[in-house]
């Protein structure tokens, strides 16, 4: 997998804002993958765009993200984007 053609962004998010941020990122067009990590860098969940693009799957993903938000108070959200043409 070639990492040179990917753009990565990282956001620090509090637990109460996690579901809203993930929902916002899912609705953007150039997001390929969303990775949710705790403060120590442990990955909780990776959401590939192919799964998130299916509208029926978005609600269970957000429910899972909401459940994860009850465990830890601060998260790092890493976003893998497709670079502009």
N, C-alpha and C. Protein backbone atom coordinates (compact mmCIF):
# COMPACT_ATOMS: atom_id res chain seq x y z
N UNK A 1 0.85 -1.18 0.00
CA UNK A 1 0.00 0.00 0.00
C UNK A 1 0.89 1.24 0.00
N UNK A 2 0.70 2.09 -0.96
CA UNK A 2 1.52 3.29 -1.10
C UNK A 2 0.92 4.42 -0.27
N UNK A 3 1.65 4.90 0.70
CA UNK A 3 1.17 5.96 1.59
C UNK A 3 1.43 7.35 1.03
N UNK A 4 2.17 7.47 -0.07
CA UNK A 4 2.52 8.78 -0.61
C UNK A 4 1.34 9.51 -1.23
N UNK A 5 0.33 8.78 -1.66
CA UNK A 5 -0.80 9.43 -2.31
C UNK A 5 -1.98 9.63 -1.35
N UNK A 6 -1.72 9.62 -0.05
CA UNK A 6 -2.77 9.81 0.94
C UNK A 6 -2.49 11.06 1.77
N UNK A 7 -3.54 11.69 2.23
CA UNK A 7 -3.43 12.84 3.12
C UNK A 7 -4.05 12.43 4.46
N UNK A 8 -3.33 12.65 5.55
CA UNK A 8 -3.82 12.30 6.87
C UNK A 8 -4.01 13.56 7.71
N UNK A 9 -5.13 13.60 8.43
CA UNK A 9 -5.41 14.67 9.38
C UNK A 9 -5.72 14.02 10.72
N UNK A 10 -5.40 14.71 11.79
CA UNK A 10 -5.70 14.19 13.12
C UNK A 10 -6.41 15.27 13.92
N UNK A 11 -7.51 14.88 14.57
CA UNK A 11 -8.29 15.78 15.40
C UNK A 11 -8.33 15.24 16.82
N UNK A 12 -8.30 16.13 17.80
CA UNK A 12 -8.54 15.75 19.19
C UNK A 12 -9.99 16.10 19.49
N UNK A 13 -10.74 15.11 19.99
CA UNK A 13 -12.18 15.27 20.18
C UNK A 13 -12.56 14.75 21.56
N UNK A 14 -13.44 15.47 22.26
CA UNK A 14 -13.99 14.99 23.53
C UNK A 14 -15.10 13.99 23.24
N UNK A 15 -15.39 13.15 24.20
CA UNK A 15 -16.35 12.06 23.99
C UNK A 15 -17.74 12.55 23.56
N UNK A 16 -18.20 13.67 24.09
CA UNK A 16 -19.54 14.15 23.74
C UNK A 16 -19.61 14.65 22.29
N UNK A 17 -18.48 14.98 21.68
CA UNK A 17 -18.46 15.46 20.30
C UNK A 17 -18.05 14.40 19.29
N UNK A 18 -17.72 13.19 19.76
CA UNK A 18 -17.17 12.16 18.88
C UNK A 18 -18.16 11.73 17.79
N UNK A 19 -19.38 11.41 18.14
CA UNK A 19 -20.37 10.95 17.17
C UNK A 19 -20.66 12.03 16.13
N UNK A 20 -20.76 13.29 16.57
CA UNK A 20 -21.02 14.37 15.61
C UNK A 20 -19.86 14.55 14.63
N UNK A 21 -18.63 14.44 15.13
CA UNK A 21 -17.46 14.60 14.27
C UNK A 21 -17.37 13.46 13.25
N UNK A 22 -17.62 12.23 13.70
CA UNK A 22 -17.58 11.09 12.79
C UNK A 22 -18.68 11.20 11.74
N UNK A 23 -19.87 11.60 12.15
CA UNK A 23 -20.96 11.79 11.20
C UNK A 23 -20.62 12.85 10.16
N UNK A 24 -20.04 13.94 10.61
CA UNK A 24 -19.62 15.02 9.71
C UNK A 24 -18.58 14.51 8.70
N UNK A 25 -17.62 13.74 9.18
CA UNK A 25 -16.57 13.22 8.30
C UNK A 25 -17.11 12.20 7.30
N UNK A 26 -18.06 11.37 7.73
CA UNK A 26 -18.66 10.38 6.83
C UNK A 26 -19.34 11.07 5.65
N UNK A 27 -19.98 12.21 5.90
CA UNK A 27 -20.72 12.89 4.85
C UNK A 27 -19.83 13.69 3.90
N UNK A 28 -18.54 13.84 4.22
CA UNK A 28 -17.61 14.50 3.30
C UNK A 28 -17.28 13.52 2.18
N UNK A 29 -16.96 14.03 1.02
CA UNK A 29 -16.75 13.17 -0.13
C UNK A 29 -15.37 12.58 -0.28
N UNK A 30 -14.35 13.16 0.32
CA UNK A 30 -12.98 12.71 0.05
C UNK A 30 -12.35 11.92 1.19
N UNK A 31 -13.15 11.42 2.13
CA UNK A 31 -12.63 10.64 3.24
C UNK A 31 -12.59 9.17 2.84
N UNK A 32 -11.43 8.54 2.98
CA UNK A 32 -11.28 7.13 2.64
C UNK A 32 -11.39 6.23 3.86
N UNK A 33 -10.92 6.73 5.03
CA UNK A 33 -10.93 5.90 6.23
C UNK A 33 -10.89 6.81 7.45
N UNK A 34 -11.60 6.40 8.50
CA UNK A 34 -11.60 7.11 9.77
C UNK A 34 -11.10 6.14 10.84
N UNK A 35 -10.12 6.58 11.62
CA UNK A 35 -9.55 5.75 12.68
C UNK A 35 -9.77 6.48 14.00
N UNK A 36 -10.37 5.79 14.97
CA UNK A 36 -10.62 6.39 16.29
C UNK A 36 -9.67 5.74 17.28
N UNK A 37 -8.85 6.58 17.94
CA UNK A 37 -7.86 6.11 18.90
C UNK A 37 -8.08 6.79 20.25
N UNK A 38 -7.62 6.14 21.31
CA UNK A 38 -7.68 6.78 22.63
C UNK A 38 -6.44 7.65 22.82
N UNK A 39 -6.32 8.25 23.98
CA UNK A 39 -5.20 9.17 24.26
C UNK A 39 -3.84 8.48 24.19
N UNK A 40 -3.81 7.19 24.45
CA UNK A 40 -2.55 6.44 24.43
C UNK A 40 -2.18 5.91 23.06
N UNK A 41 -3.05 6.10 22.07
CA UNK A 41 -2.76 5.65 20.72
C UNK A 41 -3.32 4.29 20.37
N UNK A 42 -4.09 3.69 21.27
CA UNK A 42 -4.71 2.40 20.97
C UNK A 42 -5.91 2.61 20.05
N UNK A 43 -5.98 1.86 18.98
CA UNK A 43 -7.06 1.99 18.01
C UNK A 43 -8.32 1.29 18.53
N UNK A 44 -9.44 2.02 18.56
CA UNK A 44 -10.73 1.45 18.95
C UNK A 44 -11.47 0.91 17.74
N UNK A 45 -11.51 1.71 16.67
CA UNK A 45 -12.25 1.29 15.49
C UNK A 45 -11.68 1.99 14.25
N UNK A 46 -11.70 1.27 13.13
CA UNK A 46 -11.36 1.84 11.82
C UNK A 46 -12.59 1.71 10.95
N UNK A 47 -12.98 2.81 10.32
CA UNK A 47 -14.16 2.81 9.46
C UNK A 47 -13.71 3.09 8.03
N UNK A 48 -13.71 2.08 7.17
CA UNK A 48 -13.36 2.33 5.77
C UNK A 48 -14.52 3.03 5.05
N UNK A 49 -14.20 3.83 4.07
CA UNK A 49 -15.23 4.58 3.33
C UNK A 49 -16.21 3.65 2.65
N UNK A 50 -15.76 2.52 2.17
CA UNK A 50 -16.67 1.61 1.47
C UNK A 50 -17.81 1.17 2.37
N UNK A 51 -17.54 1.03 3.68
CA UNK A 51 -18.60 0.68 4.62
C UNK A 51 -19.44 1.91 4.95
N UNK A 52 -18.78 3.03 5.18
CA UNK A 52 -19.48 4.25 5.59
C UNK A 52 -20.34 4.82 4.47
N UNK A 53 -19.99 4.54 3.22
CA UNK A 53 -20.72 5.10 2.10
C UNK A 53 -22.11 4.50 1.97
N UNK A 54 -22.32 3.34 2.52
CA UNK A 54 -23.64 2.70 2.46
C UNK A 54 -24.50 3.32 3.55
N UNK A 55 -25.57 4.00 3.15
CA UNK A 55 -26.40 4.75 4.08
C UNK A 55 -27.00 3.91 5.19
N UNK A 56 -27.32 2.66 4.93
CA UNK A 56 -27.94 1.80 5.93
C UNK A 56 -26.96 1.48 7.06
N UNK A 57 -25.68 1.49 6.76
CA UNK A 57 -24.67 1.11 7.74
C UNK A 57 -24.26 2.28 8.63
N UNK A 58 -24.59 3.50 8.26
CA UNK A 58 -24.15 4.67 9.01
C UNK A 58 -24.73 4.68 10.43
N UNK A 59 -26.00 4.35 10.60
CA UNK A 59 -26.62 4.38 11.93
C UNK A 59 -25.94 3.41 12.90
N UNK A 60 -25.70 2.14 12.53
CA UNK A 60 -24.99 1.26 13.47
C UNK A 60 -23.56 1.72 13.77
N UNK A 61 -22.89 2.33 12.79
CA UNK A 61 -21.54 2.84 13.03
C UNK A 61 -21.59 3.95 14.07
N UNK A 62 -22.54 4.86 13.93
CA UNK A 62 -22.64 5.96 14.90
C UNK A 62 -23.06 5.45 16.28
N UNK A 63 -23.88 4.40 16.33
CA UNK A 63 -24.24 3.80 17.62
C UNK A 63 -23.02 3.19 18.29
N UNK A 64 -22.18 2.52 17.50
CA UNK A 64 -20.95 1.93 18.05
C UNK A 64 -20.00 3.03 18.53
N UNK A 65 -19.90 4.10 17.76
CA UNK A 65 -19.05 5.23 18.15
C UNK A 65 -19.56 5.85 19.45
N UNK A 66 -20.87 5.95 19.59
CA UNK A 66 -21.44 6.48 20.83
C UNK A 66 -21.14 5.59 22.03
N UNK A 67 -21.16 4.28 21.82
CA UNK A 67 -20.84 3.35 22.90
C UNK A 67 -19.36 3.46 23.27
N UNK A 68 -18.50 3.62 22.28
CA UNK A 68 -17.08 3.77 22.54
C UNK A 68 -16.82 5.05 23.32
N UNK A 69 -17.59 6.09 23.04
CA UNK A 69 -17.38 7.39 23.69
C UNK A 69 -17.64 7.34 25.19
N UNK A 70 -18.38 6.33 25.65
CA UNK A 70 -18.63 6.23 27.09
C UNK A 70 -17.43 5.67 27.85
N UNK A 71 -16.49 5.06 27.13
CA UNK A 71 -15.34 4.41 27.76
C UNK A 71 -14.22 5.40 28.09
N UNK A 72 -13.94 6.31 27.17
CA UNK A 72 -12.81 7.23 27.30
C UNK A 72 -13.33 8.65 27.11
N UNK A 73 -12.67 9.63 27.72
CA UNK A 73 -13.17 11.00 27.61
C UNK A 73 -12.56 11.78 26.45
N UNK A 74 -11.35 11.43 26.02
CA UNK A 74 -10.72 12.16 24.92
C UNK A 74 -10.23 11.17 23.86
N UNK A 75 -10.42 11.54 22.61
CA UNK A 75 -10.06 10.68 21.49
C UNK A 75 -9.23 11.44 20.47
N UNK A 76 -8.46 10.70 19.71
CA UNK A 76 -7.82 11.21 18.51
C UNK A 76 -8.53 10.58 17.33
N UNK A 77 -8.99 11.40 16.40
CA UNK A 77 -9.64 10.91 15.19
C UNK A 77 -8.68 11.16 14.04
N UNK A 78 -8.23 10.10 13.40
CA UNK A 78 -7.31 10.20 12.27
C UNK A 78 -8.13 9.98 11.01
N UNK A 79 -8.00 10.89 10.05
CA UNK A 79 -8.77 10.84 8.82
C UNK A 79 -7.81 10.66 7.65
N UNK A 80 -8.05 9.64 6.85
CA UNK A 80 -7.29 9.42 5.63
C UNK A 80 -8.12 9.94 4.47
N UNK A 81 -7.55 10.88 3.74
CA UNK A 81 -8.29 11.52 2.64
C UNK A 81 -7.63 11.22 1.30
N UNK A 82 -8.45 11.30 0.26
CA UNK A 82 -7.95 11.22 -1.10
C UNK A 82 -7.44 12.60 -1.49
N UNK A 83 -6.24 12.69 -2.01
CA UNK A 83 -5.73 14.02 -2.40
C UNK A 83 -6.51 14.56 -3.60
N UNK A 84 -6.60 15.89 -3.71
CA UNK A 84 -7.29 16.47 -4.87
C UNK A 84 -6.53 16.14 -6.16
N UNK A 85 -7.29 16.01 -7.22
CA UNK A 85 -6.70 15.69 -8.54
C UNK A 85 -5.88 16.83 -9.07
